[in-house]
Amino acid sequence: MNTYKNIKQIENYLSILKNSAFKKELFLKELLLNANKALQTKQNCEDKETDFEAMMEVYFEPSDSSITIVDNGIGMSKEELNSFVNESSYKKLEKVLLDNSLVEKELGLYFIFALAQKISIISKKHKKDTAHKFISDLNSFDIAPCINEDYSGTVIYIKLKDEFAKEFTNKENLITYLTDIKEFVDFDLFLSYYDENFQEKVEKIK
């Protein structure tokens, strides 16, 4: 595992977020806007699969305190996954700290960590042979090749901190948040979960 070089900056940023009135649900909006962009890019590929149908899904699991965002868009390469922790990301974080602005800043990983204990991202770039898995907590990260489906896309698994788990693994809350976000995305958005009878349910967000 690799240690974050700017751990003090990250801790400072998270402290500012925790003590501010930022809207916690913005992390969902940011992730889904990223997924929407990935789907737009794939949709415009001349060499996309003939049976390609854009898909964006949010899955929640209360027993695991987790939420997962899935898309079958253009995907990310190892280099793009590594960009979460490169110098440009550090400088972007520094800029937010300097201007004290807590609006959406496309901070991705750092924004997610305001609510997450750890994350796992599996992504496969369009037309690439190998998928890669990015695993991270606040202290360390790792990127390695992994087995994945033939098609491109990204799966982001988020293990939520205890204080946020109940809110973001609640069906009614998520429907409200996703309904508000739906107007900003161009593709069908689905919410999936298992009901009390352990049957998988998939609901389209209107």
N, C-alpha and C. Protein backbone atom coordinates (compact mmCIF):
# COMPACT_ATOMS: atom_id res chain seq x y z
N MET A 1 0.84 -1.20 0.00
CA MET A 1 0.00 0.00 0.00
C MET A 1 0.88 1.25 0.00
N ASN A 2 0.38 2.33 -0.61
CA ASN A 2 1.10 3.59 -0.70
C ASN A 2 0.50 4.61 0.27
N THR A 3 1.32 5.42 0.87
CA THR A 3 0.85 6.42 1.83
C THR A 3 0.63 7.75 1.12
N TYR A 4 -0.45 8.44 1.46
CA TYR A 4 -0.70 9.75 0.89
C TYR A 4 0.40 10.73 1.31
N LYS A 5 0.90 11.48 0.33
CA LYS A 5 1.97 12.43 0.63
C LYS A 5 1.43 13.67 1.36
N ASN A 6 0.16 13.99 1.12
CA ASN A 6 -0.41 15.22 1.68
C ASN A 6 -1.46 14.92 2.74
N ILE A 7 -1.21 13.96 3.60
CA ILE A 7 -2.21 13.53 4.58
C ILE A 7 -2.68 14.67 5.46
N LYS A 8 -1.80 15.59 5.84
CA LYS A 8 -2.20 16.71 6.70
C LYS A 8 -3.18 17.63 5.98
N GLN A 9 -2.96 17.84 4.67
CA GLN A 9 -3.88 18.66 3.90
C GLN A 9 -5.26 18.02 3.84
N ILE A 10 -5.27 16.71 3.61
CA ILE A 10 -6.54 15.99 3.53
C ILE A 10 -7.29 16.07 4.86
N GLU A 11 -6.59 15.85 5.95
CA GLU A 11 -7.21 15.92 7.27
C GLU A 11 -7.76 17.32 7.54
N ASN A 12 -7.02 18.33 7.11
CA ASN A 12 -7.47 19.71 7.28
C ASN A 12 -8.74 19.97 6.49
N TYR A 13 -8.75 19.53 5.24
CA TYR A 13 -9.91 19.70 4.38
C TYR A 13 -11.14 19.00 4.96
N LEU A 14 -10.97 17.77 5.41
CA LEU A 14 -12.09 17.03 5.97
C LEU A 14 -12.60 17.69 7.25
N SER A 15 -11.71 18.26 8.02
CA SER A 15 -12.11 18.97 9.23
C SER A 15 -12.96 20.18 8.89
N ILE A 16 -12.56 20.91 7.84
CA ILE A 16 -13.34 22.07 7.40
C ILE A 16 -14.73 21.64 6.95
N LEU A 17 -14.80 20.58 6.17
CA LEU A 17 -16.09 20.08 5.70
C LEU A 17 -16.98 19.66 6.87
N LYS A 18 -16.40 18.97 7.82
CA LYS A 18 -17.17 18.46 8.97
C LYS A 18 -17.77 19.60 9.78
N ASN A 19 -17.06 20.72 9.86
CA ASN A 19 -17.51 21.84 10.68
C ASN A 19 -18.28 22.89 9.88
N SER A 20 -18.63 22.56 8.64
CA SER A 20 -19.35 23.50 7.80
C SER A 20 -20.75 22.99 7.53
N ALA A 21 -21.50 23.79 6.80
CA ALA A 21 -22.88 23.41 6.49
C ALA A 21 -22.96 22.85 5.07
N PHE A 22 -21.91 22.18 4.61
CA PHE A 22 -21.94 21.65 3.25
C PHE A 22 -23.02 20.58 3.10
N LYS A 23 -23.57 20.47 1.91
CA LYS A 23 -24.62 19.49 1.66
C LYS A 23 -23.98 18.13 1.41
N LYS A 24 -24.22 17.22 2.33
CA LYS A 24 -23.56 15.90 2.27
C LYS A 24 -23.91 15.14 0.99
N GLU A 25 -25.12 15.36 0.49
CA GLU A 25 -25.55 14.61 -0.69
C GLU A 25 -24.82 15.03 -1.96
N LEU A 26 -24.01 16.09 -1.90
CA LEU A 26 -23.26 16.52 -3.08
C LEU A 26 -22.30 15.45 -3.57
N PHE A 27 -21.85 14.57 -2.66
CA PHE A 27 -20.93 13.52 -3.11
C PHE A 27 -21.63 12.60 -4.11
N LEU A 28 -22.93 12.36 -3.91
CA LEU A 28 -23.69 11.54 -4.87
C LEU A 28 -23.80 12.25 -6.21
N LYS A 29 -24.08 13.54 -6.16
CA LYS A 29 -24.20 14.30 -7.40
C LYS A 29 -22.90 14.29 -8.17
N GLU A 30 -21.79 14.48 -7.47
CA GLU A 30 -20.50 14.50 -8.14
C GLU A 30 -20.20 13.17 -8.81
N LEU A 31 -20.44 12.08 -8.11
CA LEU A 31 -20.17 10.76 -8.68
C LEU A 31 -21.06 10.47 -9.88
N LEU A 32 -22.33 10.86 -9.81
CA LEU A 32 -23.24 10.59 -10.91
C LEU A 32 -22.98 11.50 -12.11
N LEU A 33 -22.53 12.71 -11.86
CA LEU A 33 -22.14 13.58 -12.98
C LEU A 33 -20.91 13.01 -13.68
N ASN A 34 -19.98 12.44 -12.90
CA ASN A 34 -18.82 11.77 -13.50
C ASN A 34 -19.26 10.58 -14.34
N ALA A 35 -20.21 9.78 -13.80
CA ALA A 35 -20.73 8.63 -14.54
C ALA A 35 -21.43 9.07 -15.82
N ASN A 36 -22.19 10.16 -15.72
CA ASN A 36 -22.89 10.70 -16.89
C ASN A 36 -21.91 11.10 -17.98
N LYS A 37 -20.82 11.74 -17.58
CA LYS A 37 -19.79 12.15 -18.55
C LYS A 37 -19.14 10.94 -19.20
N ALA A 38 -18.89 9.89 -18.41
CA ALA A 38 -18.31 8.65 -18.94
C ALA A 38 -19.25 8.00 -19.95
N LEU A 39 -20.55 8.05 -19.68
CA LEU A 39 -21.53 7.47 -20.59
C LEU A 39 -21.65 8.30 -21.87
N GLN A 40 -21.60 9.61 -21.74
CA GLN A 40 -21.64 10.47 -22.92
C GLN A 40 -20.45 10.17 -23.84
N THR A 41 -19.27 10.02 -23.24
CA THR A 41 -18.07 9.74 -24.02
C THR A 41 -18.18 8.40 -24.73
N LYS A 42 -18.68 7.38 -24.02
CA LYS A 42 -18.84 6.06 -24.63
C LYS A 42 -19.90 6.10 -25.73
N GLN A 43 -20.97 6.82 -25.48
CA GLN A 43 -22.05 6.92 -26.46
C GLN A 43 -21.55 7.51 -27.78
N ASN A 44 -20.57 8.40 -27.70
CA ASN A 44 -20.05 9.06 -28.89
C ASN A 44 -18.92 8.30 -29.57
N CYS A 45 -18.53 7.17 -29.00
CA CYS A 45 -17.45 6.36 -29.60
C CYS A 45 -17.95 5.66 -30.86
N GLU A 46 -17.24 5.83 -31.96
CA GLU A 46 -17.64 5.16 -33.19
C GLU A 46 -17.44 3.65 -33.10
N ASP A 47 -16.51 3.22 -32.22
CA ASP A 47 -16.22 1.79 -32.12
C ASP A 47 -16.84 1.14 -30.89
N LYS A 48 -17.91 1.74 -30.35
CA LYS A 48 -18.58 1.13 -29.21
C LYS A 48 -19.30 -0.15 -29.64
N GLU A 49 -19.64 -1.00 -28.69
CA GLU A 49 -20.31 -2.26 -28.99
C GLU A 49 -21.66 -1.99 -29.65
N THR A 50 -22.05 -2.84 -30.58
CA THR A 50 -23.31 -2.64 -31.30
C THR A 50 -24.52 -2.75 -30.38
N ASP A 51 -24.37 -3.52 -29.28
CA ASP A 51 -25.48 -3.71 -28.35
C ASP A 51 -25.38 -2.79 -27.13
N PHE A 52 -24.55 -1.74 -27.22
CA PHE A 52 -24.35 -0.86 -26.07
C PHE A 52 -25.62 -0.12 -25.68
N GLU A 53 -25.98 -0.21 -24.39
CA GLU A 53 -27.08 0.56 -23.82
C GLU A 53 -26.56 1.21 -22.55
N ALA A 54 -26.57 2.53 -22.51
CA ALA A 54 -26.04 3.26 -21.36
C ALA A 54 -26.79 2.87 -20.09
N MET A 55 -26.03 2.68 -19.00
CA MET A 55 -26.61 2.24 -17.73
C MET A 55 -25.93 2.96 -16.57
N MET A 56 -26.73 3.46 -15.64
CA MET A 56 -26.23 4.12 -14.45
C MET A 56 -27.08 3.64 -13.27
N GLU A 57 -26.42 3.11 -12.24
CA GLU A 57 -27.17 2.49 -11.14
C GLU A 57 -26.52 2.81 -9.79
N VAL A 58 -27.38 3.01 -8.79
CA VAL A 58 -26.94 3.20 -7.41
C VAL A 58 -27.49 2.03 -6.59
N TYR A 59 -26.60 1.34 -5.91
CA TYR A 59 -27.00 0.19 -5.07
C TYR A 59 -26.64 0.50 -3.63
N PHE A 60 -27.56 0.24 -2.70
CA PHE A 60 -27.25 0.46 -1.29
C PHE A 60 -27.47 -0.81 -0.48
N GLU A 61 -26.67 -0.96 0.58
CA GLU A 61 -26.74 -2.14 1.44
C GLU A 61 -26.60 -1.71 2.90
N PRO A 62 -27.73 -1.58 3.62
CA PRO A 62 -27.68 -1.13 5.02
C PRO A 62 -26.84 -2.02 5.92
N SER A 63 -26.88 -3.34 5.73
CA SER A 63 -26.15 -4.25 6.61
C SER A 63 -24.64 -4.08 6.49
N ASP A 64 -24.20 -3.51 5.37
CA ASP A 64 -22.77 -3.30 5.12
C ASP A 64 -22.39 -1.82 5.23
N SER A 65 -23.38 -0.98 5.51
CA SER A 65 -23.15 0.47 5.58
C SER A 65 -22.48 0.98 4.31
N SER A 66 -22.96 0.50 3.17
CA SER A 66 -22.28 0.84 1.92
C SER A 66 -23.24 1.29 0.83
N ILE A 67 -22.67 2.03 -0.11
CA ILE A 67 -23.39 2.45 -1.30
C ILE A 67 -22.44 2.25 -2.48
N THR A 68 -22.98 1.82 -3.61
CA THR A 68 -22.16 1.52 -4.78
C THR A 68 -22.75 2.19 -6.01
N ILE A 69 -21.91 2.85 -6.79
CA ILE A 69 -22.33 3.53 -8.02
C ILE A 69 -21.72 2.79 -9.21
N VAL A 70 -22.55 2.42 -10.17
CA VAL A 70 -22.10 1.61 -11.31
C VAL A 70 -22.48 2.29 -12.62
N ASP A 71 -21.56 2.30 -13.56
CA ASP A 71 -21.89 2.75 -14.92
C ASP A 71 -21.12 1.90 -15.92
N ASN A 72 -21.61 1.85 -17.14
CA ASN A 72 -20.91 1.12 -18.20
C ASN A 72 -20.39 2.09 -19.26
N GLY A 73 -19.83 3.19 -18.76
CA GLY A 73 -19.30 4.22 -19.65
C GLY A 73 -17.91 3.91 -20.16
N ILE A 74 -17.16 4.94 -20.46
CA ILE A 74 -15.86 4.80 -21.12
C ILE A 74 -14.82 4.15 -20.22
N GLY A 75 -15.01 4.22 -18.90
CA GLY A 75 -14.07 3.59 -17.98
C GLY A 75 -12.82 4.43 -17.76
N MET A 76 -11.98 3.97 -16.82
CA MET A 76 -10.74 4.67 -16.49
C MET A 76 -9.55 3.72 -16.59
N SER A 77 -8.45 4.27 -17.05
CA SER A 77 -7.21 3.50 -17.12
C SER A 77 -6.51 3.54 -15.77
N LYS A 78 -5.44 2.79 -15.65
CA LYS A 78 -4.62 2.82 -14.43
C LYS A 78 -4.12 4.23 -14.17
N GLU A 79 -3.70 4.91 -15.23
CA GLU A 79 -3.17 6.27 -15.08
C GLU A 79 -4.25 7.24 -14.59
N GLU A 80 -5.45 7.06 -15.08
CA GLU A 80 -6.55 7.94 -14.65
C GLU A 80 -6.93 7.66 -13.20
N LEU A 81 -6.93 6.40 -12.80
CA LEU A 81 -7.20 6.08 -11.40
C LEU A 81 -6.12 6.67 -10.51
N ASN A 82 -4.90 6.64 -10.97
CA ASN A 82 -3.79 7.17 -10.19
C ASN A 82 -3.86 8.69 -10.07
N SER A 83 -4.61 9.33 -10.98
CA SER A 83 -4.70 10.80 -10.94
C SER A 83 -5.38 11.31 -9.69
N PHE A 84 -6.11 10.43 -8.97
CA PHE A 84 -6.71 10.83 -7.71
C PHE A 84 -5.67 11.30 -6.71
N VAL A 85 -4.46 10.77 -6.85
CA VAL A 85 -3.45 11.05 -5.83
C VAL A 85 -2.20 11.73 -6.41
N ASN A 86 -2.33 12.31 -7.61
CA ASN A 86 -1.16 12.96 -8.18
C ASN A 86 -1.08 14.43 -7.76
N GLU A 87 -0.05 15.11 -8.24
CA GLU A 87 0.22 16.47 -7.78
C GLU A 87 -0.91 17.44 -8.10
N SER A 88 -1.56 17.28 -9.27
CA SER A 88 -2.63 18.21 -9.63
C SER A 88 -3.80 18.13 -8.66
N SER A 89 -4.07 16.92 -8.15
CA SER A 89 -5.13 16.77 -7.15
C SER A 89 -4.76 17.48 -5.86
N TYR A 90 -3.49 17.39 -5.49
CA TYR A 90 -3.04 18.08 -4.28
C TYR A 90 -3.22 19.59 -4.43
N LYS A 91 -2.86 20.11 -5.61
CA LYS A 91 -2.97 21.55 -5.82
C LYS A 91 -4.42 22.01 -5.82
N LYS A 92 -5.30 21.17 -6.35
CA LYS A 92 -6.72 21.49 -6.35
C LYS A 92 -7.24 21.56 -4.91
N LEU A 93 -6.78 20.63 -4.09
CA LEU A 93 -7.15 20.61 -2.69
C LEU A 93 -6.65 21.87 -1.97
N GLU A 94 -5.43 22.25 -2.27
CA GLU A 94 -4.85 23.45 -1.67
C GLU A 94 -5.67 24.69 -2.03
N LYS A 95 -6.13 24.76 -3.27
CA LYS A 95 -6.90 25.91 -3.72
C LYS A 95 -8.20 26.05 -2.92
N VAL A 96 -8.87 24.92 -2.67
CA VAL A 96 -10.10 24.94 -1.89
C VAL A 96 -9.83 25.44 -0.48
N LEU A 97 -8.74 24.98 0.11
CA LEU A 97 -8.40 25.40 1.47
C LEU A 97 -8.07 26.89 1.52
N LEU A 98 -7.46 27.40 0.46
CA LEU A 98 -7.07 28.80 0.45
C LEU A 98 -8.26 29.74 0.30
N ASP A 99 -9.22 29.36 -0.56
CA ASP A 99 -10.35 30.29 -0.77
C ASP A 99 -11.55 29.97 0.12
N ASN A 100 -11.42 28.89 0.92
CA ASN A 100 -12.47 28.53 1.88
C ASN A 100 -13.83 28.34 1.21
N SER A 101 -13.83 28.00 -0.05
CA SER A 101 -15.08 27.79 -0.76
C SER A 101 -15.48 26.32 -0.64
N LEU A 102 -16.73 26.08 -0.22
CA LEU A 102 -17.16 24.71 0.00
C LEU A 102 -18.24 24.28 -0.98
N VAL A 103 -18.26 24.92 -2.14
CA VAL A 103 -19.15 24.46 -3.20
C VAL A 103 -18.48 23.31 -3.93
N GLU A 104 -19.19 22.75 -4.90
CA GLU A 104 -18.62 21.62 -5.64
C GLU A 104 -17.33 22.03 -6.34
N LYS A 105 -16.28 21.25 -6.14
CA LYS A 105 -14.97 21.58 -6.69
C LYS A 105 -14.37 20.44 -7.50
N GLU A 106 -15.18 19.40 -7.78
CA GLU A 106 -14.67 18.24 -8.49
C GLU A 106 -13.46 17.65 -7.78
N LEU A 107 -13.56 17.55 -6.46
CA LEU A 107 -12.45 17.01 -5.69
C LEU A 107 -12.50 15.49 -5.58
N GLY A 108 -13.59 14.92 -6.07
CA GLY A 108 -13.66 13.47 -6.17
C GLY A 108 -13.33 12.73 -4.89
N LEU A 109 -12.18 12.10 -4.88
CA LEU A 109 -11.78 11.24 -3.78
C LEU A 109 -11.86 11.94 -2.43
N TYR A 110 -11.34 13.17 -2.35
CA TYR A 110 -11.31 13.86 -1.07
C TYR A 110 -12.72 14.21 -0.59
N PHE A 111 -13.61 14.55 -1.54
CA PHE A 111 -14.99 14.85 -1.18
C PHE A 111 -15.67 13.60 -0.63
N ILE A 112 -15.43 12.47 -1.28
CA ILE A 112 -16.02 11.21 -0.83
C ILE A 112 -15.56 10.87 0.58
N PHE A 113 -14.29 11.14 0.88
CA PHE A 113 -13.76 10.77 2.18
C PHE A 113 -14.32 11.60 3.33
N ALA A 114 -15.07 12.64 3.02
CA ALA A 114 -15.79 13.35 4.07
C ALA A 114 -16.85 12.43 4.69
N LEU A 115 -17.29 11.42 3.91
CA LEU A 115 -18.34 10.53 4.38
C LEU A 115 -17.91 9.07 4.45
N ALA A 116 -16.79 8.73 3.83
CA ALA A 116 -16.42 7.32 3.69
C ALA A 116 -15.27 6.90 4.59
N GLN A 117 -15.32 5.63 5.02
CA GLN A 117 -14.19 5.01 5.71
C GLN A 117 -13.15 4.54 4.69
N LYS A 118 -13.67 3.97 3.61
CA LYS A 118 -12.79 3.48 2.55
C LYS A 118 -13.58 3.36 1.26
N ILE A 119 -12.86 3.30 0.15
CA ILE A 119 -13.51 3.13 -1.14
C ILE A 119 -12.75 2.09 -1.95
N SER A 120 -13.48 1.51 -2.90
CA SER A 120 -12.88 0.59 -3.85
C SER A 120 -13.44 0.93 -5.22
N ILE A 121 -12.56 1.19 -6.18
CA ILE A 121 -12.99 1.52 -7.54
C ILE A 121 -12.42 0.48 -8.50
N ILE A 122 -13.31 -0.21 -9.20
CA ILE A 122 -12.88 -1.12 -10.26
C ILE A 122 -13.30 -0.50 -11.58
N SER A 123 -12.34 -0.32 -12.48
CA SER A 123 -12.67 0.31 -13.75
C SER A 123 -11.89 -0.32 -14.90
N LYS A 124 -12.56 -0.39 -16.04
CA LYS A 124 -11.92 -0.90 -17.25
C LYS A 124 -12.14 0.11 -18.37
N LYS A 125 -11.07 0.56 -18.96
CA LYS A 125 -11.13 1.53 -20.05
C LYS A 125 -11.62 0.86 -21.33
N HIS A 126 -12.39 1.58 -22.10
CA HIS A 126 -12.90 1.09 -23.38
C HIS A 126 -11.75 0.62 -24.28
N LYS A 127 -11.87 -0.60 -24.78
CA LYS A 127 -10.91 -1.22 -25.70
C LYS A 127 -9.60 -1.64 -25.04
N LYS A 128 -9.53 -1.57 -23.72
CA LYS A 128 -8.35 -2.06 -23.01
C LYS A 128 -8.59 -3.50 -22.56
N ASP A 129 -7.53 -4.27 -22.43
CA ASP A 129 -7.66 -5.68 -22.06
C ASP A 129 -7.78 -5.91 -20.56
N THR A 130 -7.26 -4.96 -19.76
CA THR A 130 -7.16 -5.19 -18.33
C THR A 130 -7.92 -4.13 -17.53
N ALA A 131 -8.65 -4.57 -16.52
CA ALA A 131 -9.28 -3.66 -15.57
C ALA A 131 -8.31 -3.42 -14.42
N HIS A 132 -8.53 -2.34 -13.67
CA HIS A 132 -7.70 -2.05 -12.51
C HIS A 132 -8.58 -1.71 -11.31
N LYS A 133 -8.06 -2.05 -10.13
CA LYS A 133 -8.78 -1.80 -8.89
C LYS A 133 -7.99 -0.82 -8.03
N PHE A 134 -8.67 0.24 -7.63
CA PHE A 134 -8.08 1.25 -6.76
C PHE A 134 -8.73 1.09 -5.38
N ILE A 135 -7.93 0.82 -4.36
CA ILE A 135 -8.44 0.66 -2.99
C ILE A 135 -7.81 1.75 -2.14
N SER A 136 -8.63 2.39 -1.30
CA SER A 136 -8.08 3.49 -0.53
C SER A 136 -8.85 3.73 0.76
N ASP A 137 -8.12 4.15 1.79
CA ASP A 137 -8.71 4.77 2.97
C ASP A 137 -8.02 6.11 3.12
N LEU A 138 -8.23 6.79 4.22
CA LEU A 138 -7.64 8.11 4.37
C LEU A 138 -6.12 8.08 4.42
N ASN A 139 -5.56 6.94 4.81
CA ASN A 139 -4.12 6.86 5.04
C ASN A 139 -3.30 6.28 3.90
N SER A 140 -3.91 5.39 3.11
CA SER A 140 -3.12 4.70 2.09
C SER A 140 -3.98 4.30 0.90
N PHE A 141 -3.30 3.90 -0.19
CA PHE A 141 -4.02 3.49 -1.38
C PHE A 141 -3.18 2.47 -2.15
N ASP A 142 -3.86 1.74 -3.04
CA ASP A 142 -3.17 0.77 -3.87
C ASP A 142 -3.92 0.63 -5.19
N ILE A 143 -3.20 0.38 -6.27
CA ILE A 143 -3.80 0.16 -7.58
C ILE A 143 -3.21 -1.11 -8.16
N ALA A 144 -4.07 -2.03 -8.61
CA ALA A 144 -3.58 -3.30 -9.14
C ALA A 144 -4.52 -3.81 -10.22
N PRO A 145 -4.01 -4.63 -11.16
CA PRO A 145 -4.87 -5.24 -12.19
C PRO A 145 -5.86 -6.19 -11.53
N CYS A 146 -7.01 -6.38 -12.16
CA CYS A 146 -8.00 -7.30 -11.61
C CYS A 146 -8.87 -7.86 -12.74
N ILE A 147 -9.61 -8.90 -12.42
CA ILE A 147 -10.53 -9.52 -13.37
C ILE A 147 -11.81 -8.70 -13.43
N ASN A 148 -12.32 -8.48 -14.62
CA ASN A 148 -13.56 -7.72 -14.78
C ASN A 148 -14.28 -8.22 -16.03
N GLU A 149 -15.48 -7.68 -16.27
CA GLU A 149 -16.25 -8.06 -17.45
C GLU A 149 -15.53 -7.60 -18.72
N ASP A 150 -16.02 -8.08 -19.86
CA ASP A 150 -15.42 -7.73 -21.14
C ASP A 150 -15.62 -6.25 -21.49
N TYR A 151 -16.74 -5.66 -21.03
CA TYR A 151 -17.07 -4.30 -21.41
C TYR A 151 -16.46 -3.27 -20.46
N SER A 152 -16.36 -2.06 -20.96
CA SER A 152 -15.80 -0.98 -20.14
C SER A 152 -16.83 -0.52 -19.09
N GLY A 153 -16.34 0.26 -18.12
CA GLY A 153 -17.23 0.80 -17.10
C GLY A 153 -16.53 0.91 -15.76
N THR A 154 -17.27 1.42 -14.78
CA THR A 154 -16.69 1.69 -13.48
C THR A 154 -17.66 1.31 -12.37
N VAL A 155 -17.12 0.71 -11.32
CA VAL A 155 -17.89 0.38 -10.11
C VAL A 155 -17.19 1.05 -8.94
N ILE A 156 -17.92 1.92 -8.23
CA ILE A 156 -17.36 2.61 -7.06
C ILE A 156 -18.10 2.15 -5.82
N TYR A 157 -17.38 1.44 -4.96
CA TYR A 157 -17.93 0.95 -3.69
C TYR A 157 -17.48 1.88 -2.57
N ILE A 158 -18.43 2.33 -1.76
CA ILE A 158 -18.12 3.27 -0.68
C ILE A 158 -18.60 2.70 0.65
N LYS A 159 -17.67 2.43 1.55
CA LYS A 159 -17.99 2.02 2.91
C LYS A 159 -18.14 3.29 3.74
N LEU A 160 -19.36 3.58 4.17
CA LEU A 160 -19.66 4.85 4.82
C LEU A 160 -19.24 4.89 6.27
N LYS A 161 -18.86 6.08 6.73
CA LYS A 161 -18.61 6.27 8.15
C LYS A 161 -19.92 6.07 8.91
N ASP A 162 -19.82 5.65 10.15
CA ASP A 162 -21.00 5.30 10.93
C ASP A 162 -22.02 6.43 10.99
N GLU A 163 -21.56 7.67 11.11
CA GLU A 163 -22.49 8.79 11.27
C GLU A 163 -23.27 9.13 10.00
N PHE A 164 -22.86 8.56 8.86
CA PHE A 164 -23.55 8.82 7.60
C PHE A 164 -24.25 7.58 7.04
N ALA A 165 -23.98 6.43 7.60
CA ALA A 165 -24.48 5.18 7.04
C ALA A 165 -26.00 5.12 6.99
N LYS A 166 -26.65 5.50 8.07
CA LYS A 166 -28.11 5.38 8.13
C LYS A 166 -28.77 6.28 7.08
N GLU A 167 -28.26 7.48 6.93
CA GLU A 167 -28.86 8.44 5.99
C GLU A 167 -28.73 7.99 4.54
N PHE A 168 -27.57 7.45 4.18
CA PHE A 168 -27.32 7.13 2.78
C PHE A 168 -27.53 5.66 2.43
N THR A 169 -28.08 4.89 3.35
CA THR A 169 -28.53 3.54 3.02
C THR A 169 -30.03 3.43 3.31
N ASN A 170 -30.70 4.55 3.25
CA ASN A 170 -32.15 4.62 3.45
C ASN A 170 -32.83 4.85 2.10
N LYS A 171 -33.73 4.00 1.73
CA LYS A 171 -34.35 4.05 0.41
C LYS A 171 -35.04 5.39 0.14
N GLU A 172 -35.83 5.86 1.08
CA GLU A 172 -36.57 7.10 0.87
C GLU A 172 -35.63 8.29 0.70
N ASN A 173 -34.59 8.35 1.52
CA ASN A 173 -33.61 9.43 1.38
C ASN A 173 -32.95 9.42 0.02
N LEU A 174 -32.54 8.22 -0.41
CA LEU A 174 -31.85 8.11 -1.69
C LEU A 174 -32.75 8.47 -2.86
N ILE A 175 -33.99 8.07 -2.81
CA ILE A 175 -34.93 8.43 -3.88
C ILE A 175 -35.06 9.95 -3.97
N THR A 176 -35.13 10.62 -2.81
CA THR A 176 -35.22 12.08 -2.80
C THR A 176 -33.97 12.70 -3.40
N TYR A 177 -32.80 12.25 -2.96
CA TYR A 177 -31.54 12.80 -3.48
C TYR A 177 -31.40 12.55 -4.97
N LEU A 178 -31.69 11.30 -5.40
CA LEU A 178 -31.50 10.94 -6.80
C LEU A 178 -32.51 11.62 -7.71
N THR A 179 -33.72 11.85 -7.21
CA THR A 179 -34.72 12.57 -7.99
C THR A 179 -34.25 14.00 -8.26
N ASP A 180 -33.63 14.62 -7.27
CA ASP A 180 -33.10 15.97 -7.44
C ASP A 180 -31.94 15.99 -8.44
N ILE A 181 -31.14 14.91 -8.44
CA ILE A 181 -29.98 14.84 -9.33
C ILE A 181 -30.38 14.49 -10.75
N LYS A 182 -31.49 13.78 -10.91
CA LYS A 182 -31.89 13.23 -12.22
C LYS A 182 -31.92 14.29 -13.32
N GLU A 183 -32.29 15.51 -13.00
CA GLU A 183 -32.39 16.55 -14.02
C GLU A 183 -31.03 16.94 -14.60
N PHE A 184 -29.96 16.57 -13.90
CA PHE A 184 -28.61 16.94 -14.35
C PHE A 184 -27.93 15.84 -15.17
N VAL A 185 -28.58 14.68 -15.32
CA VAL A 185 -27.98 13.58 -16.07
C VAL A 185 -28.82 13.26 -17.30
N ASP A 186 -28.18 12.65 -18.29
CA ASP A 186 -28.82 12.43 -19.59
C ASP A 186 -29.31 11.01 -19.81
N PHE A 187 -29.06 10.13 -18.85
CA PHE A 187 -29.39 8.73 -19.04
C PHE A 187 -30.30 8.22 -17.92
N ASP A 188 -30.91 7.07 -18.16
CA ASP A 188 -31.76 6.47 -17.13
C ASP A 188 -30.93 6.19 -15.88
N LEU A 189 -31.54 6.44 -14.73
CA LEU A 189 -30.87 6.25 -13.44
C LEU A 189 -31.72 5.28 -12.62
N PHE A 190 -31.05 4.24 -12.07
CA PHE A 190 -31.76 3.21 -11.32
C PHE A 190 -31.24 3.11 -9.89
N LEU A 191 -32.14 2.75 -8.99
CA LEU A 191 -31.79 2.47 -7.59
C LEU A 191 -32.07 0.99 -7.35
N SER A 192 -31.09 0.26 -6.84
CA SER A 192 -31.28 -1.17 -6.58
C SER A 192 -30.94 -1.50 -5.14
N TYR A 193 -31.61 -2.54 -4.64
CA TYR A 193 -31.45 -2.96 -3.24
C TYR A 193 -32.12 -4.32 -3.06
N TYR A 194 -31.93 -4.92 -1.89
CA TYR A 194 -32.62 -6.15 -1.55
C TYR A 194 -33.69 -5.85 -0.51
N ASP A 195 -34.91 -6.37 -0.75
CA ASP A 195 -35.99 -6.11 0.20
C ASP A 195 -35.92 -7.05 1.39
N GLU A 196 -36.93 -6.98 2.25
CA GLU A 196 -36.92 -7.77 3.49
C GLU A 196 -36.98 -9.28 3.23
N ASN A 197 -37.38 -9.66 2.01
CA ASN A 197 -37.41 -11.08 1.63
C ASN A 197 -36.18 -11.48 0.84
N PHE A 198 -35.17 -10.61 0.84
CA PHE A 198 -33.90 -10.86 0.16
C PHE A 198 -34.07 -11.01 -1.36
N GLN A 199 -35.09 -10.31 -1.88
CA GLN A 199 -35.31 -10.27 -3.32
C GLN A 199 -34.74 -8.96 -3.86
N GLU A 200 -34.00 -9.07 -4.96
CA GLU A 200 -33.41 -7.85 -5.52
C GLU A 200 -34.49 -7.01 -6.20
N LYS A 201 -34.46 -5.72 -5.90
CA LYS A 201 -35.41 -4.78 -6.49
C LYS A 201 -34.63 -3.70 -7.23
N VAL A 202 -35.15 -3.33 -8.39
CA VAL A 202 -34.54 -2.27 -9.19
C VAL A 202 -35.63 -1.27 -9.54
N GLU A 203 -35.44 -0.02 -9.15
CA GLU A 203 -36.43 1.03 -9.41
C GLU A 203 -35.83 2.13 -10.26
N LYS A 204 -36.55 2.51 -11.29
CA LYS A 204 -36.10 3.62 -12.14
C LYS A 204 -36.46 4.93 -11.49
N ILE A 205 -35.51 5.84 -11.40
CA ILE A 205 -35.76 7.16 -10.82
C ILE A 205 -36.47 8.01 -11.88
N LYS A 206 -37.62 8.53 -11.54
CA LYS A 206 -38.44 9.29 -12.48
C LYS A 206 -37.95 10.73 -12.60
